[in-house]
N, C-alpha and C. Protein backbone atom coordinates (compact mmCIF):
# COMPACT_ATOMS: atom_id res chain seq x y z
N MET A 1 -19.64 -30.22 -33.81
CA MET A 1 -19.88 -31.19 -32.90
C MET A 1 -20.53 -30.57 -31.41
N ALA A 2 -19.97 -29.17 -30.96
CA ALA A 2 -20.68 -28.64 -29.70
C ALA A 2 -22.20 -28.26 -30.23
N GLN A 3 -22.88 -28.23 -31.00
CA GLN A 3 -24.31 -28.20 -31.24
C GLN A 3 -24.86 -29.30 -30.79
N HIS A 4 -24.54 -30.55 -31.14
CA HIS A 4 -24.83 -31.84 -31.09
C HIS A 4 -24.92 -32.14 -29.58
N SER A 5 -23.90 -31.76 -28.72
CA SER A 5 -23.80 -31.85 -27.35
C SER A 5 -24.83 -31.10 -26.42
N ILE A 6 -25.06 -29.76 -27.25
CA ILE A 6 -26.19 -28.90 -26.74
C ILE A 6 -27.34 -29.60 -27.07
N LEU A 7 -27.69 -30.19 -28.23
CA LEU A 7 -29.08 -30.74 -28.60
C LEU A 7 -28.88 -32.28 -27.39
N LEU A 8 -27.82 -32.74 -27.41
CA LEU A 8 -28.24 -34.29 -26.61
C LEU A 8 -28.32 -33.49 -25.05
N ASP A 9 -27.54 -32.67 -24.74
CA ASP A 9 -27.82 -32.28 -23.06
C ASP A 9 -29.39 -31.78 -22.84
N LYS A 10 -30.07 -30.85 -24.19
CA LYS A 10 -31.18 -30.17 -23.67
C LYS A 10 -32.26 -31.38 -23.89
N SER A 11 -31.60 -32.33 -24.92
CA SER A 11 -33.11 -33.27 -24.95
C SER A 11 -33.18 -34.23 -23.68
N LEU A 12 -32.18 -34.47 -23.22
CA LEU A 12 -31.73 -35.33 -22.11
C LEU A 12 -32.80 -34.54 -20.98
N ALA A 13 -32.36 -33.40 -20.87
CA ALA A 13 -33.20 -32.51 -19.69
C ALA A 13 -34.64 -32.44 -19.74
N PHE A 14 -35.07 -32.05 -21.12
CA PHE A 14 -36.27 -32.27 -21.52
C PHE A 14 -37.01 -33.58 -21.31
N ALA A 15 -36.65 -34.66 -21.55
CA ALA A 15 -37.12 -36.13 -21.24
C ALA A 15 -37.20 -36.39 -20.00
N THR A 16 -36.29 -35.63 -19.31
CA THR A 16 -36.19 -35.98 -17.84
C THR A 16 -37.62 -35.09 -16.95
N ARG A 17 -37.80 -34.20 -17.45
CA ARG A 17 -38.92 -33.13 -17.18
C ARG A 17 -40.02 -33.89 -17.45
N ILE A 18 -40.36 -34.51 -18.75
CA ILE A 18 -41.40 -35.35 -19.36
C ILE A 18 -41.89 -36.40 -18.31
N VAL A 19 -40.58 -37.12 -17.82
CA VAL A 19 -40.72 -38.57 -17.24
C VAL A 19 -41.44 -37.87 -15.97
N LYS A 20 -40.88 -36.82 -15.57
CA LYS A 20 -41.64 -36.22 -13.91
C LYS A 20 -43.36 -35.88 -14.35
N LEU A 21 -43.28 -35.11 -15.44
CA LEU A 21 -44.64 -34.87 -15.68
C LEU A 21 -45.53 -36.27 -16.06
N HIS A 22 -45.02 -37.19 -16.26
CA HIS A 22 -45.61 -38.21 -16.93
C HIS A 22 -46.04 -39.25 -15.35
N LYS A 23 -45.04 -39.02 -14.40
CA LYS A 23 -45.38 -39.66 -12.83
C LYS A 23 -46.44 -38.59 -12.29
N TYR A 24 -46.71 -37.40 -12.67
CA TYR A 24 -47.36 -36.66 -11.87
C TYR A 24 -48.75 -36.48 -12.41
N LEU A 25 -49.15 -37.13 -13.75
CA LEU A 25 -50.12 -37.09 -14.50
C LEU A 25 -50.79 -38.13 -13.76
N ILE A 26 -49.83 -39.31 -13.80
CA ILE A 26 -50.44 -40.42 -13.48
C ILE A 26 -51.02 -40.81 -12.12
N LYS A 27 -50.20 -40.18 -11.30
CA LYS A 27 -50.63 -40.26 -9.62
C LYS A 27 -51.55 -39.28 -9.25
N GLU A 28 -51.34 -38.12 -9.78
CA GLU A 28 -52.23 -37.01 -9.23
C GLU A 28 -53.39 -36.71 -9.98
N LYS A 29 -53.50 -36.95 -11.16
CA LYS A 29 -54.37 -36.41 -12.01
C LYS A 29 -54.89 -37.57 -12.64
N ARG A 30 -54.37 -38.77 -12.42
CA ARG A 30 -55.04 -40.11 -12.94
C ARG A 30 -55.41 -40.25 -14.31
N GLU A 31 -54.45 -39.57 -15.20
CA GLU A 31 -54.42 -39.61 -16.74
C GLU A 31 -53.46 -40.40 -17.20
N SER A 32 -53.72 -41.43 -18.15
CA SER A 32 -52.84 -42.39 -18.43
C SER A 32 -52.68 -42.41 -20.09
N ILE A 33 -53.83 -42.06 -20.73
CA ILE A 33 -53.96 -41.87 -21.97
C ILE A 33 -52.65 -41.03 -22.85
N ILE A 34 -53.06 -39.78 -22.41
CA ILE A 34 -52.22 -38.62 -23.13
C ILE A 34 -50.45 -38.59 -22.54
N SER A 35 -50.67 -38.89 -21.30
CA SER A 35 -49.10 -39.27 -20.60
C SER A 35 -48.31 -40.25 -21.44
N LYS A 36 -48.92 -41.20 -21.60
CA LYS A 36 -48.15 -42.26 -22.50
C LYS A 36 -47.72 -41.74 -23.67
N GLN A 37 -48.62 -41.05 -24.50
CA GLN A 37 -48.38 -40.70 -25.80
C GLN A 37 -47.14 -39.64 -25.70
N ILE A 38 -47.31 -38.68 -24.91
CA ILE A 38 -46.50 -37.33 -24.60
C ILE A 38 -44.89 -38.57 -24.34
N ILE A 39 -44.82 -39.19 -23.20
CA ILE A 39 -43.61 -39.77 -22.64
C ILE A 39 -43.09 -40.44 -23.72
N ARG A 40 -43.72 -40.98 -24.68
CA ARG A 40 -43.27 -41.69 -26.00
C ARG A 40 -42.72 -40.54 -26.96
N SER A 41 -43.46 -39.71 -26.82
CA SER A 41 -42.70 -38.92 -28.19
C SER A 41 -41.40 -38.11 -27.30
N ALA A 42 -41.79 -37.44 -26.37
CA ALA A 42 -40.75 -36.50 -25.93
C ALA A 42 -39.40 -37.29 -25.74
N THR A 43 -39.49 -38.29 -25.04
CA THR A 43 -38.22 -39.20 -25.07
C THR A 43 -37.61 -39.74 -26.16
N SER A 44 -38.25 -39.68 -27.41
CA SER A 44 -37.73 -40.50 -28.64
C SER A 44 -36.93 -39.30 -29.30
N ILE A 45 -37.27 -37.83 -28.90
CA ILE A 45 -36.47 -36.87 -29.32
C ILE A 45 -34.86 -37.03 -28.82
N GLY A 46 -34.40 -37.25 -27.89
CA GLY A 46 -33.17 -37.05 -27.38
C GLY A 46 -32.60 -38.79 -27.91
N ALA A 47 -33.42 -39.65 -27.86
CA ALA A 47 -33.14 -41.19 -28.10
C ALA A 47 -32.69 -41.03 -29.56
N ASN A 48 -33.34 -40.50 -30.47
CA ASN A 48 -33.04 -40.43 -32.05
C ASN A 48 -32.03 -39.74 -32.06
N ALA A 49 -31.81 -38.59 -31.66
CA ALA A 49 -30.77 -37.43 -31.56
C ALA A 49 -29.59 -38.17 -31.48
N ASN A 50 -29.31 -38.79 -30.27
CA ASN A 50 -28.33 -39.90 -29.86
C ASN A 50 -27.93 -40.69 -30.56
N GLU A 51 -28.92 -41.43 -31.38
CA GLU A 51 -28.63 -42.15 -32.45
C GLU A 51 -27.94 -41.88 -33.70
N ALA A 52 -28.28 -40.71 -33.66
CA ALA A 52 -27.75 -39.74 -35.21
C ALA A 52 -26.39 -39.46 -35.05
N VAL A 53 -25.70 -39.35 -33.90
CA VAL A 53 -24.26 -38.95 -33.66
C VAL A 53 -24.02 -40.09 -33.92
N TYR A 54 -24.27 -41.43 -34.09
CA TYR A 54 -23.28 -42.60 -34.27
C TYR A 54 -23.95 -43.43 -35.50
N GLY A 55 -24.46 -42.52 -36.12
CA GLY A 55 -25.09 -42.97 -37.76
C GLY A 55 -24.06 -43.55 -38.69
N ILE A 56 -24.58 -44.58 -39.43
CA ILE A 56 -23.30 -44.95 -40.24
C ILE A 56 -23.22 -44.01 -41.66
N SER A 57 -24.04 -43.12 -41.78
CA SER A 57 -23.62 -42.26 -43.14
C SER A 57 -24.34 -40.64 -42.44
N LYS A 58 -24.11 -39.99 -43.39
CA LYS A 58 -24.78 -38.37 -43.41
C LYS A 58 -26.06 -38.75 -43.83
N ALA A 59 -26.53 -39.67 -44.48
CA ALA A 59 -28.01 -39.71 -44.68
C ALA A 59 -28.68 -40.18 -43.41
N ASP A 60 -27.98 -41.05 -42.55
CA ASP A 60 -28.56 -41.91 -41.79
C ASP A 60 -28.58 -40.84 -40.41
N PHE A 61 -27.66 -40.17 -40.36
CA PHE A 61 -27.52 -38.89 -39.35
C PHE A 61 -28.75 -38.24 -39.83
N VAL A 62 -29.13 -37.60 -40.91
CA VAL A 62 -29.98 -36.73 -41.22
C VAL A 62 -31.51 -37.24 -40.72
N ALA A 63 -31.81 -38.58 -41.43
CA ALA A 63 -32.68 -39.15 -41.10
C ALA A 63 -33.08 -39.45 -39.63
N LYS A 64 -32.13 -39.62 -38.95
CA LYS A 64 -32.59 -39.75 -37.32
C LYS A 64 -32.71 -38.40 -37.27
N LEU A 65 -32.27 -37.41 -37.40
CA LEU A 65 -32.59 -36.19 -36.86
C LEU A 65 -34.11 -35.66 -37.23
N GLN A 66 -34.37 -36.05 -38.66
CA GLN A 66 -35.61 -35.68 -38.70
C GLN A 66 -36.94 -36.59 -38.09
N ILE A 67 -36.53 -37.71 -37.86
CA ILE A 67 -37.41 -38.37 -36.78
C ILE A 67 -37.39 -37.33 -35.54
N SER A 68 -36.42 -36.94 -35.21
CA SER A 68 -36.57 -36.36 -33.79
C SER A 68 -37.21 -35.24 -33.87
N LEU A 69 -37.13 -34.48 -34.94
CA LEU A 69 -37.74 -33.20 -35.28
C LEU A 69 -39.44 -33.52 -35.37
N LYS A 70 -40.05 -34.68 -35.98
CA LYS A 70 -41.27 -35.22 -35.95
C LYS A 70 -41.70 -35.13 -34.72
N GLU A 71 -40.91 -35.96 -33.89
CA GLU A 71 -41.19 -36.08 -32.54
C GLU A 71 -41.55 -34.78 -31.53
N THR A 72 -40.60 -33.81 -31.76
CA THR A 72 -40.94 -32.49 -31.20
C THR A 72 -42.38 -32.00 -31.67
N ALA A 73 -42.65 -32.31 -32.81
CA ALA A 73 -43.86 -31.58 -33.26
C ALA A 73 -45.42 -32.25 -32.45
N GLU A 74 -44.86 -33.49 -32.51
CA GLU A 74 -46.15 -34.53 -31.75
C GLU A 74 -46.12 -34.17 -30.18
N THR A 75 -45.01 -33.98 -29.92
CA THR A 75 -44.79 -33.52 -28.17
C THR A 75 -45.44 -31.80 -28.06
N GLU A 76 -45.25 -31.21 -28.79
CA GLU A 76 -45.84 -29.83 -29.03
C GLU A 76 -47.45 -30.13 -28.78
N TYR A 77 -47.92 -31.01 -29.60
CA TYR A 77 -49.30 -31.11 -29.50
C TYR A 77 -50.00 -31.81 -28.43
N TRP A 78 -49.21 -32.40 -27.79
CA TRP A 78 -49.62 -33.05 -26.35
C TRP A 78 -49.48 -32.20 -25.38
N LEU A 79 -48.23 -31.08 -25.22
CA LEU A 79 -48.02 -30.42 -24.62
C LEU A 79 -49.37 -29.43 -24.74
N ARG A 80 -50.01 -28.78 -25.66
CA ARG A 80 -51.04 -28.01 -25.91
C ARG A 80 -52.05 -28.69 -25.34
N LEU A 81 -52.17 -29.79 -25.54
CA LEU A 81 -53.58 -30.70 -25.10
C LEU A 81 -53.65 -30.34 -23.79
N LEU A 82 -52.73 -31.00 -23.12
CA LEU A 82 -52.82 -31.02 -21.71
C LEU A 82 -53.17 -29.78 -20.73
N THR A 83 -52.29 -28.64 -21.49
CA THR A 83 -52.88 -27.54 -20.95
C THR A 83 -53.91 -26.66 -21.28
N LEU A 84 -54.43 -27.17 -22.49
CA LEU A 84 -56.04 -26.42 -22.99
C LEU A 84 -56.80 -27.31 -22.12
N SER A 85 -56.51 -28.77 -21.71
CA SER A 85 -57.34 -29.36 -21.06
C SER A 85 -57.55 -29.66 -19.56
N ASP A 86 -56.69 -28.51 -19.06
CA ASP A 86 -56.21 -28.14 -17.45
C ASP A 86 -55.68 -29.09 -16.81
N TYR A 87 -54.72 -30.53 -17.53
CA TYR A 87 -54.07 -31.01 -16.64
C TYR A 87 -53.14 -30.63 -16.22
N ILE A 88 -52.34 -29.87 -16.92
CA ILE A 88 -51.32 -28.59 -16.12
C ILE A 88 -51.54 -27.56 -16.65
N THR A 89 -50.95 -26.17 -15.67
CA THR A 89 -51.38 -25.11 -15.59
C THR A 89 -50.59 -24.34 -16.93
N GLU A 90 -51.04 -23.20 -17.37
CA GLU A 90 -50.70 -22.72 -18.47
C GLU A 90 -49.41 -22.37 -18.47
N ALA A 91 -48.75 -21.89 -17.00
CA ALA A 91 -47.31 -21.49 -16.91
C ALA A 91 -46.57 -22.82 -16.67
N GLU A 92 -46.91 -24.20 -16.48
CA GLU A 92 -46.09 -25.26 -16.54
C GLU A 92 -46.15 -25.55 -18.10
N GLY A 93 -47.37 -25.33 -18.98
CA GLY A 93 -47.42 -26.02 -20.34
C GLY A 93 -46.54 -25.03 -21.06
N ASN A 94 -46.49 -23.87 -20.85
CA ASN A 94 -45.52 -22.74 -21.57
C ASN A 94 -44.02 -23.06 -21.16
N SER A 95 -43.75 -23.52 -20.18
CA SER A 95 -42.39 -23.75 -19.79
C SER A 95 -41.91 -24.67 -20.44
N LEU A 96 -42.75 -26.04 -20.43
CA LEU A 96 -42.18 -27.33 -21.35
C LEU A 96 -42.18 -27.08 -22.60
N LEU A 97 -42.95 -26.08 -23.11
CA LEU A 97 -43.28 -25.98 -24.62
C LEU A 97 -42.42 -25.31 -24.98
N ASN A 98 -41.72 -24.13 -24.39
CA ASN A 98 -40.70 -23.35 -24.42
C ASN A 98 -39.05 -24.21 -24.65
N ASP A 99 -39.06 -25.46 -24.38
CA ASP A 99 -37.99 -26.18 -24.01
C ASP A 99 -37.92 -26.92 -25.26
N CYS A 100 -39.47 -27.26 -25.36
CA CYS A 100 -39.52 -28.28 -26.62
C CYS A 100 -39.15 -27.36 -28.10
N LEU A 101 -39.84 -26.23 -27.98
CA LEU A 101 -39.50 -25.41 -29.15
C LEU A 101 -37.97 -24.93 -29.56
N GLU A 102 -37.42 -24.76 -28.22
CA GLU A 102 -35.92 -24.47 -28.22
C GLU A 102 -35.10 -25.69 -28.91
N ILE A 103 -35.31 -26.93 -28.52
CA ILE A 103 -35.07 -28.30 -28.93
C ILE A 103 -34.97 -28.47 -30.83
N LYS A 104 -36.63 -27.80 -30.92
CA LYS A 104 -36.57 -27.78 -32.42
C LYS A 104 -35.96 -27.03 -33.08
N ARG A 105 -35.76 -25.67 -32.54
CA ARG A 105 -34.96 -24.78 -33.29
C ARG A 105 -33.33 -25.43 -33.44
N ILE A 106 -32.94 -25.77 -32.30
CA ILE A 106 -31.49 -26.74 -32.62
C ILE A 106 -31.57 -27.70 -33.65
N LEU A 107 -32.39 -28.59 -33.82
CA LEU A 107 -32.68 -29.89 -34.59
C LEU A 107 -32.71 -28.93 -36.25
N ILE A 108 -33.74 -27.98 -36.40
CA ILE A 108 -33.93 -27.21 -37.63
C ILE A 108 -32.30 -26.91 -38.24
N SER A 109 -31.75 -26.27 -37.31
CA SER A 109 -30.19 -25.48 -37.49
C SER A 109 -29.38 -26.72 -37.85
N THR A 110 -29.24 -27.61 -37.48
CA THR A 110 -28.39 -28.88 -37.56
C THR A 110 -28.82 -29.68 -38.54
N LEU A 111 -29.96 -29.78 -38.90
CA LEU A 111 -30.39 -30.41 -40.00
C LEU A 111 -30.40 -29.50 -41.38
N ASN A 112 -30.41 -28.49 -41.05
CA ASN A 112 -29.84 -27.25 -42.30
C ASN A 112 -28.65 -27.31 -42.51
N THR A 113 -27.57 -27.30 -41.72
CA THR A 113 -26.33 -27.19 -41.71
C THR A 113 -25.79 -28.83 -42.52
N ALA A 114 -26.42 -29.99 -41.64
CA ALA A 114 -26.08 -31.00 -42.35
C ALA A 114 -26.47 -31.69 -43.71
N LYS A 115 -27.74 -30.83 -43.89
CA LYS A 115 -27.97 -30.89 -45.82
C LYS A 115 -27.25 -30.64 -46.62
N GLN A 116 -26.54 -28.90 -46.08
CA GLN A 116 -25.98 -28.27 -46.91
C GLN A 116 -24.74 -29.03 -47.53
N ASN A 117 -24.26 -29.96 -46.09
CA ASN A 117 -22.86 -30.26 -45.92
C ASN A 117 -23.10 -31.78 -46.90
N GLN A 118 -23.71 -31.89 -47.53
CA GLN A 118 -24.39 -33.44 -48.33
C GLN A 118 -23.65 -33.46 -49.32
């Protein structure tokens, strides 16, 4: 259960950073299309992880975490695009991407353990 709490804490902190990024992109860069996509995918990571904890079965738990994992992949894409198109600096992009990849590793580890225990 401790790993789930790490996942929930890190995904909430990451979502908070993305919300701030969204505000910045809208206000400072006048960018609304990619920012809407990334806020949707990045905040979905933690929302689905939270939902997984209260799943009605082990299969439900795994399914919700797999959705979170898919959302990390989408978020990675948007972060790379924002960096490559110069909406954010390489340093900002790498910092956010590192957080996203750390969450991804936790999700993969948790999913592997959950699947072994099924």
